[in-house]
Amino acid sequence: MKRTLSPEKKLISQPKAGCICKDIKLYTLIQAVDAGASSVEAVVRQTGIGDDSRQGRPCRAKVEQLLSPCEAP
């Protein structure tokens, strides 16, 4: 099952950093996943994260978490 965020959590994510090196917000990463990006590479292509001196390691971790399936209750 795909992870989905409530509208409230999406609103809260808007000012949070998704990629501090490129000033890309977490909400931008969420939008890419919601638009159908199903891999880290797809999110990288859509958002431009990971093209920095740290090679996107922190950003990729956030994307992997967004892409991970929800656990059933």
C-alpha atoms as a PDB file:
ATOM      1  CA  MET A   1       0.000   0.000   0.000  1.00  0.00           C
ATOM      2  CA  LYS A   2       1.366   3.413  -1.003  1.00  0.00           C
ATOM      3  CA  ARG A   3       2.097   5.864   1.784  1.00  0.00           C
ATOM      4  CA  THR A   4      -0.290   8.814   1.691  1.00  0.00           C
ATOM      5  CA  LEU A   5      -0.170  11.909   3.822  1.00  0.00           C
ATOM      6  CA  SER A   6      -3.185  13.709   5.149  1.00  0.00           C
ATOM      7  CA  PRO A   7      -3.852  17.218   3.870  1.00  0.00           C
ATOM      8  CA  GLU A   8      -2.816  18.549   7.286  1.00  0.00           C
ATOM      9  CA  LYS A   9       0.564  16.806   7.172  1.00  0.00           C
ATOM     10  CA  LYS A  10       1.121  18.061   3.622  1.00  0.00           C
ATOM     11  CA  LEU A  11       0.411  21.601   4.798  1.00  0.00           C
ATOM     12  CA  ILE A  12       2.840  21.228   7.692  1.00  0.00           C
ATOM     13  CA  SER A  13       5.531  19.899   5.335  1.00  0.00           C
ATOM     14  CA  GLN A  14       5.489  22.973   3.073  1.00  0.00           C
ATOM     15  CA  PRO A  15       8.101  25.024   4.964  1.00  0.00           C
ATOM     16  CA  LYS A  16      10.291  22.045   5.913  1.00  0.00           C
ATOM     17  CA  ALA A  17      13.509  21.321   4.069  1.00  0.00           C
ATOM     18  CA  GLY A  18      13.603  18.438   1.635  1.00  0.00           C
ATOM     19  CA  CYS A  19      17.030  19.276   0.233  1.00  0.00           C
ATOM     20  CA  ILE A  20      18.901  21.991   2.127  1.00  0.00           C
ATOM     21  CA  CYS A  21      21.670  22.258  -0.474  1.00  0.00           C
ATOM     22  CA  LYS A  22      19.233  23.245  -3.220  1.00  0.00           C
ATOM     23  CA  ASP A  23      16.549  24.844  -1.030  1.00  0.00           C
ATOM     24  CA  ILE A  24      13.949  22.329  -2.176  1.00  0.00           C
ATOM     25  CA  LYS A  25      11.095  21.885   0.263  1.00  0.00           C
ATOM     26  CA  LEU A  26       9.859  18.557   1.590  1.00  0.00           C
ATOM     27  CA  TYR A  27       6.475  19.323   0.055  1.00  0.00           C
ATOM     28  CA  THR A  28       8.101  19.313  -3.404  1.00  0.00           C
ATOM     29  CA  LEU A  29       9.334  15.765  -2.774  1.00  0.00           C
ATOM     30  CA  ILE A  30       5.857  14.740  -1.613  1.00  0.00           C
ATOM     31  CA  GLN A  31       4.315  16.262  -4.741  1.00  0.00           C
ATOM     32  CA  ALA A  32       6.678  14.244  -6.948  1.00  0.00           C
ATOM     33  CA  VAL A  33       5.662  11.010  -5.195  1.00  0.00           C
ATOM     34  CA  ASP A  34       1.985  11.951  -5.399  1.00  0.00           C
ATOM     35  CA  ALA A  35       2.448  12.645  -9.128  1.00  0.00           C
ATOM     36  CA  GLY A  36       3.629   9.088  -9.674  1.00  0.00           C
ATOM     37  CA  ALA A  37       7.376   9.009  -9.011  1.00  0.00           C
ATOM     38  CA  SER A  38       7.908   5.487  -7.728  1.00  0.00           C
ATOM     39  CA  SER A  39      11.679   5.424  -7.234  1.00  0.00           C
ATOM     40  CA  VAL A  40      14.362   7.638  -5.764  1.00  0.00           C
ATOM     41  CA  GLU A  41      15.754   8.201  -9.250  1.00  0.00           C
ATOM     42  CA  ALA A  42      12.355   9.389 -10.513  1.00  0.00           C
ATOM     43  CA  VAL A  43      12.076  11.893  -7.652  1.00  0.00           C
ATOM     44  CA  VAL A  44      15.648  13.077  -8.357  1.00  0.00           C
ATOM     45  CA  ARG A  45      14.761  13.664 -12.020  1.00  0.00           C
ATOM     46  CA  GLN A  46      11.557  15.521 -11.173  1.00  0.00           C
ATOM     47  CA  THR A  47      12.911  17.702  -8.361  1.00  0.00           C
ATOM     48  CA  GLY A  48      16.634  18.134  -8.976  1.00  0.00           C
ATOM     49  CA  ILE A  49      17.739  16.907  -5.550  1.00  0.00           C
ATOM     50  CA  GLY A  50      21.006  15.072  -5.079  1.00  0.00           C
ATOM     51  CA  ASP A  51      23.206  17.183  -7.320  1.00  0.00           C
ATOM     52  CA  ASP A  52      25.488  18.533  -4.622  1.00  0.00           C
ATOM     53  CA  SER A  53      28.700  17.871  -2.742  1.00  0.00           C
ATOM     54  CA  ARG A  54      26.967  15.398  -0.409  1.00  0.00           C
ATOM     55  CA  GLN A  55      25.598  13.498  -3.421  1.00  0.00           C
ATOM     56  CA  GLY A  56      22.068  13.742  -2.056  1.00  0.00           C
ATOM     57  CA  ARG A  57      22.518  11.255   0.764  1.00  0.00           C
ATOM     58  CA  PRO A  58      20.262  13.069   3.281  1.00  0.00           C
ATOM     59  CA  CYS A  59      17.689  13.868   0.596  1.00  0.00           C
ATOM     60  CA  ARG A  60      17.615  10.326  -0.716  1.00  0.00           C
ATOM     61  CA  ALA A  61      16.911   9.031   2.789  1.00  0.00           C
ATOM     62  CA  LYS A  62      13.845  11.287   2.974  1.00  0.00           C
ATOM     63  CA  VAL A  63      12.655  10.112  -0.431  1.00  0.00           C
ATOM     64  CA  GLU A  64      13.139   6.454   0.526  1.00  0.00           C
ATOM     65  CA  GLN A  65      10.987   7.070   3.588  1.00  0.00           C
ATOM     66  CA  LEU A  66       8.276   8.720   1.482  1.00  0.00           C
ATOM     67  CA  LEU A  67       8.338   5.806  -0.973  1.00  0.00           C
ATOM     68  CA  SER A  68       8.250   3.099   1.680  1.00  0.00           C
ATOM     69  CA  PRO A  69       4.908   1.340   1.957  1.00  0.00           C
ATOM     70  CA  CYS A  70       2.682   1.961   4.941  1.00  0.00           C
ATOM     71  CA  GLU A  71       2.522  -0.810   7.471  1.00  0.00           C
ATOM     72  CA  ALA A  72      -0.910  -2.227   8.074  1.00  0.00           C
ATOM     73  CA  PRO A  73      -2.304  -1.488  11.540  1.00  0.00           C
END
